[in-house]
Amino acid sequence: MTLTVYVLRHAQAGSAPEDKQRPLTEQGLLDMAKLGSYMQKNKLLPPYCACSAAKRTRQTFVALTALLGNVPVQYDDDLYNSSTGALFSAVQNTPAEHKSMMIVAHNPGIHGLAMFLANEESKRSFVTGYAPGSLTVLELPADNWPNIQPGTGVIKHFWSTR
């Protein structure tokens, strides 16, 4: 059995006096429309999302799912600028009824998560960076979320704005 994880870095963000309140730029919104079309075309629809509560991650999720339809989301302050380990724990805590999930968060943790989950062969596609709006879809050999292991994920899709 496999589980699928969609690892998404928030789209391009502008500036704001407070980092947590940075909004997406017009380019970031356009990029999420393109990603949404890509996901629609490839029938990529996660049934659940864990998302940082920062403004730019929330806007990324909303802009993306405008094309995909209703995806239940859990906004979580603990995912804001989290470490790879904290993001991995969030994935492991996905409700058991879901066989796939999306996580939307920030660099460097989100790039670290994609690298941490991917097997050696797969991670070569994004070893040098993870641009805003990048999405990696990985299949992991596991029967439940707490049993997923680092370094076992096979990348099925990788999409980037660059």
C-alpha atoms as a PDB file:
ATOM      1  CA  MET A   1       0.000   0.000   0.000  1.00  0.00           C
ATOM      2  CA  THR A   2       1.132   3.556  -0.628  1.00  0.00           C
ATOM      3  CA  LEU A   3       0.346   6.943   0.833  1.00  0.00           C
ATOM      4  CA  THR A   4       0.698  10.157  -1.169  1.00  0.00           C
ATOM      5  CA  VAL A   5       2.076  13.453   0.124  1.00  0.00           C
ATOM      6  CA  TYR A   6       1.784  16.748  -1.760  1.00  0.00           C
ATOM      7  CA  VAL A   7       4.596  19.039  -0.525  1.00  0.00           C
ATOM      8  CA  LEU A   8       3.893  22.666  -1.505  1.00  0.00           C
ATOM      9  CA  ARG A   9       5.901  25.794  -0.790  1.00  0.00           C
ATOM     10  CA  HIS A  10       3.764  28.945  -0.669  1.00  0.00           C
ATOM     11  CA  ALA A  11       3.698  31.024  -3.840  1.00  0.00           C
ATOM     12  CA  GLN A  12       5.670  34.245  -4.343  1.00  0.00           C
ATOM     13  CA  ALA A  13       4.900  36.722  -1.573  1.00  0.00           C
ATOM     14  CA  GLY A  14       5.258  40.460  -1.257  1.00  0.00           C
ATOM     15  CA  SER A  15       6.200  42.443   1.804  1.00  0.00           C
ATOM     16  CA  ALA A  16       4.366  43.532   4.927  1.00  0.00           C
ATOM     17  CA  PRO A  17       5.419  45.061   8.250  1.00  0.00           C
ATOM     18  CA  GLU A  18       4.873  41.671   9.904  1.00  0.00           C
ATOM     19  CA  ASP A  19       6.288  38.546   8.212  1.00  0.00           C
ATOM     20  CA  LYS A  20       3.223  36.428   9.002  1.00  0.00           C
ATOM     21  CA  GLN A  21       1.024  38.953   7.172  1.00  0.00           C
ATOM     22  CA  ARG A  22       2.922  38.967   3.862  1.00  0.00           C
ATOM     23  CA  PRO A  23       0.396  38.569   1.004  1.00  0.00           C
ATOM     24  CA  LEU A  24       0.904  36.822  -2.322  1.00  0.00           C
ATOM     25  CA  THR A  25       2.013  38.929  -5.248  1.00  0.00           C
ATOM     26  CA  GLU A  26       0.067  39.020  -8.500  1.00  0.00           C
ATOM     27  CA  GLN A  27       2.693  36.625  -9.912  1.00  0.00           C
ATOM     28  CA  GLY A  28       2.144  34.271  -6.980  1.00  0.00           C
ATOM     29  CA  LEU A  29      -1.600  34.183  -7.681  1.00  0.00           C
ATOM     30  CA  LEU A  30      -0.967  33.558 -11.398  1.00  0.00           C
ATOM     31  CA  ASP A  31       1.453  30.739 -10.543  1.00  0.00           C
ATOM     32  CA  MET A  32      -1.164  29.046  -8.369  1.00  0.00           C
ATOM     33  CA  ALA A  33      -3.687  29.246 -11.218  1.00  0.00           C
ATOM     34  CA  LYS A  34      -1.120  27.486 -13.444  1.00  0.00           C
ATOM     35  CA  LEU A  35      -0.434  24.879 -10.788  1.00  0.00           C
ATOM     36  CA  GLY A  36      -4.162  24.349 -10.298  1.00  0.00           C
ATOM     37  CA  SER A  37      -4.551  23.701 -14.037  1.00  0.00           C
ATOM     38  CA  TYR A  38      -1.626  21.248 -13.927  1.00  0.00           C
ATOM     39  CA  MET A  39      -3.166  19.424 -10.974  1.00  0.00           C
ATOM     40  CA  GLN A  40      -6.586  19.327 -12.662  1.00  0.00           C
ATOM     41  CA  LYS A  41      -5.096  17.953 -15.889  1.00  0.00           C
ATOM     42  CA  ASN A  42      -3.184  15.259 -13.986  1.00  0.00           C
ATOM     43  CA  LYS A  43      -6.095  14.427 -11.663  1.00  0.00           C
ATOM     44  CA  LEU A  44      -4.130  15.419  -8.566  1.00  0.00           C
ATOM     45  CA  LEU A  45      -6.615  16.176  -5.817  1.00  0.00           C
ATOM     46  CA  PRO A  46      -5.603  15.702  -2.204  1.00  0.00           C
ATOM     47  CA  PRO A  47      -8.541  14.998   0.129  1.00  0.00           C
ATOM     48  CA  TYR A  48      -6.960  16.868   3.047  1.00  0.00           C
ATOM     49  CA  CYS A  49      -4.496  19.714   3.642  1.00  0.00           C
ATOM     50  CA  ALA A  50      -2.401  20.842   6.600  1.00  0.00           C
ATOM     51  CA  CYS A  51      -1.472  24.484   6.005  1.00  0.00           C
ATOM     52  CA  SER A  52       0.552  27.087   7.859  1.00  0.00           C
ATOM     53  CA  ALA A  53      -1.686  29.839   9.199  1.00  0.00           C
ATOM     54  CA  ALA A  54       0.461  32.621   7.693  1.00  0.00           C
ATOM     55  CA  LYS A  55      -1.368  34.851   5.201  1.00  0.00           C
ATOM     56  CA  ARG A  56       0.759  33.794   2.193  1.00  0.00           C
ATOM     57  CA  THR A  57       0.227  30.071   2.800  1.00  0.00           C
ATOM     58  CA  ARG A  58      -3.510  30.509   3.305  1.00  0.00           C
ATOM     59  CA  GLN A  59      -3.736  32.554   0.096  1.00  0.00           C
ATOM     60  CA  THR A  60      -1.669  29.940  -1.751  1.00  0.00           C
ATOM     61  CA  PHE A  61      -4.073  27.206  -0.678  1.00  0.00           C
ATOM     62  CA  VAL A  62      -7.208  29.231  -1.518  1.00  0.00           C
ATOM     63  CA  ALA A  63      -5.874  30.304  -4.935  1.00  0.00           C
ATOM     64  CA  LEU A  64      -4.877  26.736  -5.772  1.00  0.00           C
ATOM     65  CA  THR A  65      -8.110  25.106  -4.675  1.00  0.00           C
ATOM     66  CA  ALA A  66     -10.256  27.656  -6.516  1.00  0.00           C
ATOM     67  CA  LEU A  67      -9.748  25.370  -9.532  1.00  0.00           C
ATOM     68  CA  LEU A  68      -9.686  22.061  -7.672  1.00  0.00           C
ATOM     69  CA  GLY A  69     -12.825  22.381  -5.621  1.00  0.00           C
ATOM     70  CA  ASN A  70     -13.378  21.801  -1.936  1.00  0.00           C
ATOM     71  CA  VAL A  71     -10.371  20.388  -0.080  1.00  0.00           C
ATOM     72  CA  PRO A  72     -10.758  20.235   3.706  1.00  0.00           C
ATOM     73  CA  VAL A  73      -7.949  22.204   5.361  1.00  0.00           C
ATOM     74  CA  GLN A  74      -6.479  22.484   8.841  1.00  0.00           C
ATOM     75  CA  TYR A  75      -4.715  25.835   9.331  1.00  0.00           C
ATOM     76  CA  ASP A  76      -1.991  25.455  11.937  1.00  0.00           C
ATOM     77  CA  ASP A  77       0.151  28.187  13.539  1.00  0.00           C
ATOM     78  CA  ASP A  78       2.736  25.516  14.415  1.00  0.00           C
ATOM     79  CA  LEU A  79       3.516  25.046  10.697  1.00  0.00           C
ATOM     80  CA  TYR A  80       4.665  28.676  10.352  1.00  0.00           C
ATOM     81  CA  ASN A  81       8.418  28.591   9.598  1.00  0.00           C
ATOM     82  CA  SER A  82       8.607  25.068  11.037  1.00  0.00           C
ATOM     83  CA  SER A  83      11.564  22.755  10.886  1.00  0.00           C
ATOM     84  CA  THR A  84      11.622  19.729   8.620  1.00  0.00           C
ATOM     85  CA  GLY A  85      11.084  17.523  11.671  1.00  0.00           C
ATOM     86  CA  ALA A  86       7.966  19.428  12.757  1.00  0.00           C
ATOM     87  CA  LEU A  87       6.534  19.236   9.221  1.00  0.00           C
ATOM     88  CA  PHE A  88       7.281  15.499   9.097  1.00  0.00           C
ATOM     89  CA  SER A  89       5.384  15.086  12.391  1.00  0.00           C
ATOM     90  CA  ALA A  90       2.431  16.975  10.917  1.00  0.00           C
ATOM     91  CA  VAL A  91       2.383  14.558   7.956  1.00  0.00           C
ATOM     92  CA  GLN A  92       2.570  11.579  10.321  1.00  0.00           C
ATOM     93  CA  ASN A  93      -0.446  12.976  12.199  1.00  0.00           C
ATOM     94  CA  THR A  94      -2.681  13.005   9.114  1.00  0.00           C
ATOM     95  CA  PRO A  95      -6.092  11.533   9.944  1.00  0.00           C
ATOM     96  CA  ALA A  96      -6.097   7.806   9.143  1.00  0.00           C
ATOM     97  CA  GLU A  97      -9.093   8.000   6.794  1.00  0.00           C
ATOM     98  CA  HIS A  98      -6.984   9.923   4.239  1.00  0.00           C
ATOM     99  CA  LYS A  99      -4.612   8.044   1.931  1.00  0.00           C
ATOM    100  CA  SER A 100      -3.161  11.273   0.569  1.00  0.00           C
ATOM    101  CA  MET A 101      -2.587  14.746   1.982  1.00  0.00           C
ATOM    102  CA  MET A 102      -1.121  18.127   1.107  1.00  0.00           C
ATOM    103  CA  ILE A 103       1.110  20.217   3.331  1.00  0.00           C
ATOM    104  CA  VAL A 104       1.633  23.924   2.577  1.00  0.00           C
ATOM    105  CA  ALA A 105       4.438  25.672   4.418  1.00  0.00           C
ATOM    106  CA  HIS A 106       7.656  27.710   4.187  1.00  0.00           C
ATOM    107  CA  ASN A 107      11.302  27.294   3.279  1.00  0.00           C
ATOM    108  CA  PRO A 108      13.686  26.022   4.428  1.00  0.00           C
ATOM    109  CA  GLY A 109      11.519  23.447   6.230  1.00  0.00           C
ATOM    110  CA  ILE A 110       9.256  22.550   3.293  1.00  0.00           C
ATOM    111  CA  HIS A 111      12.199  21.969   0.929  1.00  0.00           C
ATOM    112  CA  GLY A 112      13.794  19.948   3.712  1.00  0.00           C
ATOM    113  CA  LEU A 113      10.633  17.839   4.008  1.00  0.00           C
ATOM    114  CA  ALA A 114      10.597  17.032   0.288  1.00  0.00           C
ATOM    115  CA  MET A 115      14.286  16.061   0.465  1.00  0.00           C
ATOM    116  CA  PHE A 116      13.742  14.077   3.676  1.00  0.00           C
ATOM    117  CA  LEU A 117      10.877  12.032   2.214  1.00  0.00           C
ATOM    118  CA  ALA A 118      12.308  11.419  -1.281  1.00  0.00           C
ATOM    119  CA  ASN A 119      14.521   8.472  -2.108  1.00  0.00           C
ATOM    120  CA  GLU A 120      18.009   9.198  -3.464  1.00  0.00           C
ATOM    121  CA  GLU A 121      17.051   8.749  -7.126  1.00  0.00           C
ATOM    122  CA  SER A 122      13.974  10.983  -6.834  1.00  0.00           C
ATOM    123  CA  LYS A 123      15.428  13.928  -4.945  1.00  0.00           C
ATOM    124  CA  ARG A 124      17.888  14.833  -7.711  1.00  0.00           C
ATOM    125  CA  SER A 125      15.125  16.830  -9.414  1.00  0.00           C
ATOM    126  CA  PHE A 126      15.110  19.543  -6.748  1.00  0.00           C
ATOM    127  CA  VAL A 127      18.336  19.185  -4.823  1.00  0.00           C
ATOM    128  CA  THR A 128      19.512  22.712  -5.700  1.00  0.00           C
ATOM    129  CA  GLY A 129      16.441  24.618  -4.592  1.00  0.00           C
ATOM    130  CA  TYR A 130      12.718  24.872  -4.093  1.00  0.00           C
ATOM    131  CA  ALA A 131      11.257  28.020  -5.636  1.00  0.00           C
ATOM    132  CA  PRO A 132       8.094  29.652  -4.293  1.00  0.00           C
ATOM    133  CA  GLY A 133       5.081  27.681  -5.521  1.00  0.00           C
ATOM    134  CA  SER A 134       7.006  24.431  -6.008  1.00  0.00           C
ATOM    135  CA  LEU A 135       5.021  21.223  -5.599  1.00  0.00           C
ATOM    136  CA  THR A 136       6.366  17.713  -5.145  1.00  0.00           C
ATOM    137  CA  VAL A 137       3.992  14.738  -5.115  1.00  0.00           C
ATOM    138  CA  LEU A 138       5.535  11.681  -3.492  1.00  0.00           C
ATOM    139  CA  GLU A 139       4.271   8.145  -3.034  1.00  0.00           C
ATOM    140  CA  LEU A 140       5.504   6.459   0.123  1.00  0.00           C
ATOM    141  CA  PRO A 141       5.337   2.718   0.829  1.00  0.00           C
ATOM    142  CA  ALA A 142       3.355   2.589   4.069  1.00  0.00           C
ATOM    143  CA  ASP A 143      -0.011   1.402   5.295  1.00  0.00           C
ATOM    144  CA  ASN A 144      -0.548   4.251   7.748  1.00  0.00           C
ATOM    145  CA  TRP A 145       0.843   7.741   8.366  1.00  0.00           C
ATOM    146  CA  PRO A 146       2.825   7.052  11.555  1.00  0.00           C
ATOM    147  CA  ASN A 147       4.758   4.326   9.676  1.00  0.00           C
ATOM    148  CA  ILE A 148       6.068   6.464   6.805  1.00  0.00           C
ATOM    149  CA  GLN A 149       9.846   6.384   6.603  1.00  0.00           C
ATOM    150  CA  PRO A 150      12.252   9.079   5.398  1.00  0.00           C
ATOM    151  CA  GLY A 151      14.109   8.414   2.179  1.00  0.00           C
ATOM    152  CA  THR A 152      11.481   6.050   0.745  1.00  0.00           C
ATOM    153  CA  GLY A 153       9.310   8.416  -1.294  1.00  0.00           C
ATOM    154  CA  VAL A 154       9.145   8.194  -5.061  1.00  0.00           C
ATOM    155  CA  ILE A 155       8.427  11.480  -6.813  1.00  0.00           C
ATOM    156  CA  LYS A 156       5.438  11.094  -9.118  1.00  0.00           C
ATOM    157  CA  HIS A 157       5.101  14.778 -10.011  1.00  0.00           C
ATOM    158  CA  PHE A 158       7.283  17.835  -9.607  1.00  0.00           C
ATOM    159  CA  TRP A 159       6.099  21.288 -10.647  1.00  0.00           C
ATOM    160  CA  SER A 160       7.967  24.543 -10.239  1.00  0.00           C
ATOM    161  CA  THR A 161       7.602  28.136 -11.336  1.00  0.00           C
ATOM    162  CA  ARG A 162      11.252  28.081 -12.473  1.00  0.00           C
END
